[in-house]
N, C-alpha and C. Protein backbone atom coordinates (compact mmCIF):
# COMPACT_ATOMS: atom_id res chain seq x y z
N MET A 1 -58.16 96.61 -82.76
CA MET A 1 -59.60 96.70 -82.62
C MET A 1 -60.30 95.85 -83.69
N ASP A 2 -59.78 95.84 -84.92
CA ASP A 2 -60.38 95.02 -85.97
C ASP A 2 -60.25 93.54 -85.66
N ALA A 3 -59.17 93.15 -84.99
CA ALA A 3 -58.98 91.75 -84.64
C ALA A 3 -60.01 91.32 -83.59
N ARG A 4 -60.35 92.23 -82.68
CA ARG A 4 -61.36 91.91 -81.67
C ARG A 4 -62.73 91.71 -82.31
N ILE A 5 -63.05 92.55 -83.27
CA ILE A 5 -64.35 92.43 -83.94
C ILE A 5 -64.40 91.14 -84.74
N ALA A 6 -63.32 90.82 -85.45
CA ALA A 6 -63.27 89.59 -86.24
C ALA A 6 -63.36 88.37 -85.33
N LYS A 7 -62.68 88.43 -84.18
CA LYS A 7 -62.72 87.32 -83.24
C LYS A 7 -64.14 87.14 -82.68
N GLY A 8 -64.80 88.24 -82.38
CA GLY A 8 -66.17 88.18 -81.87
C GLY A 8 -67.13 87.63 -82.91
N LEU A 9 -66.97 88.06 -84.17
CA LEU A 9 -67.83 87.54 -85.24
C LEU A 9 -67.59 86.05 -85.46
N ALA A 10 -66.34 85.63 -85.40
CA ALA A 10 -66.02 84.21 -85.57
C ALA A 10 -66.63 83.39 -84.44
N LEU A 11 -66.56 83.91 -83.22
CA LEU A 11 -67.14 83.21 -82.08
C LEU A 11 -68.66 83.13 -82.20
N ALA A 12 -69.28 84.21 -82.66
CA ALA A 12 -70.73 84.20 -82.84
C ALA A 12 -71.14 83.22 -83.94
N ALA A 13 -70.35 83.16 -85.03
CA ALA A 13 -70.66 82.22 -86.11
C ALA A 13 -70.50 80.78 -85.64
N LEU A 14 -69.48 80.51 -84.83
CA LEU A 14 -69.28 79.17 -84.29
C LEU A 14 -70.44 78.78 -83.37
N ALA A 15 -70.88 79.71 -82.52
CA ALA A 15 -72.00 79.43 -81.62
C ALA A 15 -73.28 79.17 -82.41
N LEU A 16 -73.50 79.93 -83.47
CA LEU A 16 -74.69 79.72 -84.31
C LEU A 16 -74.62 78.38 -85.02
N ALA A 17 -73.45 78.00 -85.50
CA ALA A 17 -73.29 76.71 -86.18
C ALA A 17 -73.54 75.55 -85.21
N LEU A 18 -73.01 75.67 -83.99
CA LEU A 18 -73.22 74.60 -83.02
C LEU A 18 -74.68 74.51 -82.58
N ALA A 19 -75.36 75.64 -82.47
CA ALA A 19 -76.75 75.64 -82.03
C ALA A 19 -77.67 75.07 -83.10
N SER A 20 -77.29 75.16 -84.36
CA SER A 20 -78.18 74.72 -85.43
C SER A 20 -77.92 73.30 -85.90
N CYS A 21 -77.00 72.59 -85.28
CA CYS A 21 -76.67 71.25 -85.79
C CYS A 21 -77.33 70.14 -84.99
N GLY A 22 -78.34 70.44 -84.22
CA GLY A 22 -79.01 69.40 -83.43
C GLY A 22 -79.77 68.42 -84.32
N GLY A 23 -79.77 67.16 -83.94
CA GLY A 23 -80.45 66.14 -84.72
C GLY A 23 -81.94 66.13 -84.43
N ARG A 24 -82.70 65.77 -85.43
CA ARG A 24 -84.15 65.65 -85.26
C ARG A 24 -84.54 64.22 -85.60
N GLN A 25 -84.63 63.41 -84.57
CA GLN A 25 -84.99 62.02 -84.74
C GLN A 25 -86.23 61.74 -83.90
N PRO A 26 -87.03 60.77 -84.32
CA PRO A 26 -88.21 60.45 -83.51
C PRO A 26 -87.79 59.93 -82.14
N LEU A 27 -88.57 60.26 -81.12
CA LEU A 27 -88.28 59.81 -79.77
C LEU A 27 -88.57 58.33 -79.63
N LYS A 28 -87.76 57.65 -78.87
CA LYS A 28 -87.99 56.24 -78.59
C LYS A 28 -87.60 55.98 -77.14
N PRO A 29 -88.15 54.93 -76.52
CA PRO A 29 -87.86 54.70 -75.11
C PRO A 29 -86.40 54.32 -74.89
N VAL A 30 -85.93 54.59 -73.67
CA VAL A 30 -84.57 54.24 -73.28
C VAL A 30 -84.45 52.72 -73.28
N GLN A 31 -83.26 52.22 -73.57
CA GLN A 31 -83.02 50.77 -73.61
C GLN A 31 -83.47 50.13 -72.30
N GLY A 32 -84.31 49.14 -72.38
CA GLY A 32 -84.78 48.42 -71.20
C GLY A 32 -86.10 48.95 -70.64
N GLN A 33 -86.59 50.08 -71.14
CA GLN A 33 -87.86 50.61 -70.67
C GLN A 33 -88.93 50.40 -71.73
N ARG A 34 -90.18 50.31 -71.27
CA ARG A 34 -91.28 50.12 -72.19
C ARG A 34 -92.01 51.43 -72.40
N MET A 35 -92.81 51.47 -73.44
CA MET A 35 -93.67 52.63 -73.70
C MET A 35 -94.76 52.64 -72.63
N PRO A 36 -95.39 53.79 -72.38
CA PRO A 36 -96.48 53.86 -71.39
C PRO A 36 -97.63 52.92 -71.78
N ALA A 37 -98.36 52.50 -70.78
CA ALA A 37 -99.50 51.60 -71.01
C ALA A 37 -100.58 52.33 -71.80
N VAL A 38 -101.39 51.54 -72.48
CA VAL A 38 -102.50 52.09 -73.25
C VAL A 38 -103.56 52.59 -72.28
N PRO A 39 -103.98 53.86 -72.39
CA PRO A 39 -105.02 54.37 -71.49
C PRO A 39 -106.33 53.61 -71.66
N VAL A 40 -107.12 53.56 -70.59
CA VAL A 40 -108.40 52.88 -70.62
C VAL A 40 -109.31 53.56 -71.64
N GLY A 41 -109.86 52.79 -72.53
CA GLY A 41 -110.78 53.33 -73.53
C GLY A 41 -110.11 53.78 -74.81
N ALA A 42 -108.79 53.84 -74.84
CA ALA A 42 -108.08 54.26 -76.06
C ALA A 42 -107.81 53.03 -76.92
N PRO A 43 -107.97 53.18 -78.23
CA PRO A 43 -107.75 52.02 -79.10
C PRO A 43 -106.28 51.65 -79.23
N THR A 44 -105.38 52.63 -79.17
CA THR A 44 -103.94 52.36 -79.30
C THR A 44 -103.17 53.17 -78.28
N ALA A 45 -101.91 52.82 -78.10
CA ALA A 45 -101.05 53.57 -77.19
C ALA A 45 -100.70 54.92 -77.82
N PRO A 46 -100.56 55.98 -77.03
CA PRO A 46 -100.20 57.28 -77.58
C PRO A 46 -98.77 57.28 -78.11
N THR A 47 -98.56 58.04 -79.17
CA THR A 47 -97.21 58.15 -79.75
C THR A 47 -96.40 59.16 -78.94
N ALA A 48 -95.11 59.23 -79.23
CA ALA A 48 -94.24 60.17 -78.53
C ALA A 48 -94.67 61.61 -78.81
N ALA A 49 -95.10 61.89 -80.03
CA ALA A 49 -95.54 63.25 -80.38
C ALA A 49 -96.80 63.62 -79.59
N GLN A 50 -97.71 62.67 -79.43
CA GLN A 50 -98.93 62.95 -78.67
C GLN A 50 -98.61 63.16 -77.19
N LEU A 51 -97.64 62.43 -76.67
CA LEU A 51 -97.29 62.56 -75.26
C LEU A 51 -96.57 63.87 -74.96
N THR A 52 -95.85 64.42 -75.95
CA THR A 52 -95.10 65.65 -75.71
C THR A 52 -95.86 66.90 -76.12
N THR A 53 -97.03 66.76 -76.73
CA THR A 53 -97.83 67.92 -77.11
C THR A 53 -98.65 68.36 -75.90
N PRO A 54 -98.53 69.64 -75.47
CA PRO A 54 -99.29 70.08 -74.30
C PRO A 54 -100.79 70.12 -74.58
N SER A 55 -101.57 69.86 -73.55
CA SER A 55 -103.02 69.87 -73.70
C SER A 55 -103.54 71.30 -73.75
N ILE A 56 -104.82 71.44 -74.05
CA ILE A 56 -105.44 72.76 -74.09
C ILE A 56 -105.41 73.40 -72.71
N GLN A 57 -105.56 72.60 -71.66
CA GLN A 57 -105.52 73.15 -70.31
C GLN A 57 -104.12 73.63 -69.95
N ALA A 58 -103.10 72.97 -70.47
CA ALA A 58 -101.73 73.38 -70.18
C ALA A 58 -101.36 74.65 -70.93
N ARG A 59 -101.86 74.83 -72.15
CA ARG A 59 -101.56 76.01 -72.95
C ARG A 59 -102.85 76.55 -73.54
N PRO A 60 -103.64 77.26 -72.76
CA PRO A 60 -104.89 77.79 -73.30
C PRO A 60 -104.63 78.88 -74.32
N GLU A 61 -105.55 79.03 -75.25
CA GLU A 61 -105.44 80.08 -76.24
C GLU A 61 -105.74 81.42 -75.58
N ARG A 62 -105.07 82.44 -76.05
CA ARG A 62 -105.31 83.77 -75.51
C ARG A 62 -106.45 84.43 -76.25
N ASN A 63 -107.22 85.17 -75.51
CA ASN A 63 -108.28 85.96 -76.11
C ASN A 63 -107.84 87.41 -76.01
N VAL A 64 -107.36 87.96 -77.11
CA VAL A 64 -106.83 89.32 -77.08
C VAL A 64 -107.78 90.27 -77.80
N GLU A 65 -109.06 89.96 -77.73
CA GLU A 65 -110.05 90.83 -78.37
C GLU A 65 -110.09 92.16 -77.63
N LEU A 66 -109.89 93.21 -78.36
CA LEU A 66 -109.88 94.54 -77.75
C LEU A 66 -111.30 95.09 -77.65
N LEU A 67 -111.53 95.87 -76.64
CA LEU A 67 -112.81 96.53 -76.48
C LEU A 67 -112.89 97.66 -77.49
N THR A 68 -113.83 97.57 -78.40
CA THR A 68 -113.92 98.58 -79.45
C THR A 68 -115.00 99.62 -79.17
N GLN A 69 -115.93 99.30 -78.29
CA GLN A 69 -116.99 100.25 -77.97
C GLN A 69 -117.22 100.24 -76.46
N SER A 70 -117.51 101.42 -75.93
CA SER A 70 -117.86 101.50 -74.52
C SER A 70 -119.32 101.09 -74.35
N LYS A 71 -119.59 100.36 -73.32
CA LYS A 71 -120.97 99.93 -73.06
C LYS A 71 -121.34 100.29 -71.63
N VAL A 72 -122.57 100.72 -71.43
CA VAL A 72 -123.06 101.03 -70.10
C VAL A 72 -123.28 99.71 -69.38
N ARG A 73 -122.81 99.65 -68.16
CA ARG A 73 -122.96 98.44 -67.39
C ARG A 73 -124.42 98.21 -67.02
N GLY A 74 -124.86 96.97 -67.14
CA GLY A 74 -126.24 96.63 -66.80
C GLY A 74 -126.46 96.61 -65.30
N ASP A 75 -127.72 96.53 -64.90
CA ASP A 75 -128.07 96.50 -63.50
C ASP A 75 -127.64 95.17 -62.89
N ASP A 76 -126.94 95.22 -61.76
CA ASP A 76 -126.45 94.02 -61.10
C ASP A 76 -127.23 93.84 -59.80
N GLN A 77 -128.00 92.76 -59.70
CA GLN A 77 -128.82 92.55 -58.52
C GLN A 77 -127.99 92.18 -57.29
N PHE A 78 -126.73 91.79 -57.48
CA PHE A 78 -125.89 91.42 -56.35
C PHE A 78 -124.97 92.56 -55.91
N ASP A 79 -125.04 93.72 -56.56
CA ASP A 79 -124.22 94.88 -56.19
C ASP A 79 -124.97 95.65 -55.11
N LEU A 80 -124.84 95.19 -53.88
CA LEU A 80 -125.56 95.78 -52.76
C LEU A 80 -124.62 96.65 -51.92
N PRO A 81 -125.14 97.69 -51.30
CA PRO A 81 -124.30 98.50 -50.41
C PRO A 81 -123.93 97.70 -49.16
N PRO A 82 -122.83 98.03 -48.50
CA PRO A 82 -122.48 97.32 -47.30
C PRO A 82 -123.50 97.53 -46.19
N GLU A 83 -123.58 96.58 -45.30
CA GLU A 83 -124.53 96.68 -44.18
C GLU A 83 -124.08 97.82 -43.26
N SER A 84 -125.05 98.52 -42.68
CA SER A 84 -124.72 99.63 -41.80
C SER A 84 -124.26 99.12 -40.42
N ASP A 85 -124.74 97.95 -39.99
CA ASP A 85 -124.36 97.40 -38.71
C ASP A 85 -123.89 95.95 -38.91
N PRO A 86 -122.58 95.77 -39.26
CA PRO A 86 -122.12 94.40 -39.49
C PRO A 86 -122.10 93.60 -38.18
N LYS A 87 -122.40 92.36 -38.27
CA LYS A 87 -122.46 91.50 -37.07
C LYS A 87 -121.27 90.61 -36.97
């Protein structure tokens, strides 16, 4: 039983070591390909970091403001009862 635990810990340590050894180098285009064209109106071409950063529309910020006080709902002029004789 102790050998199984030791083997499992060794395997977990090996997996952690392999997962943490990834290289961090700046992105560059594949051999033979060019960088994207400069967008109209932009002074320079976007960098790789700018191209891989999601826009605000892609990742909107969350609004997690909690309701701290109950409030009486105001009068709604569009909250009408249903028609008695729908057409």
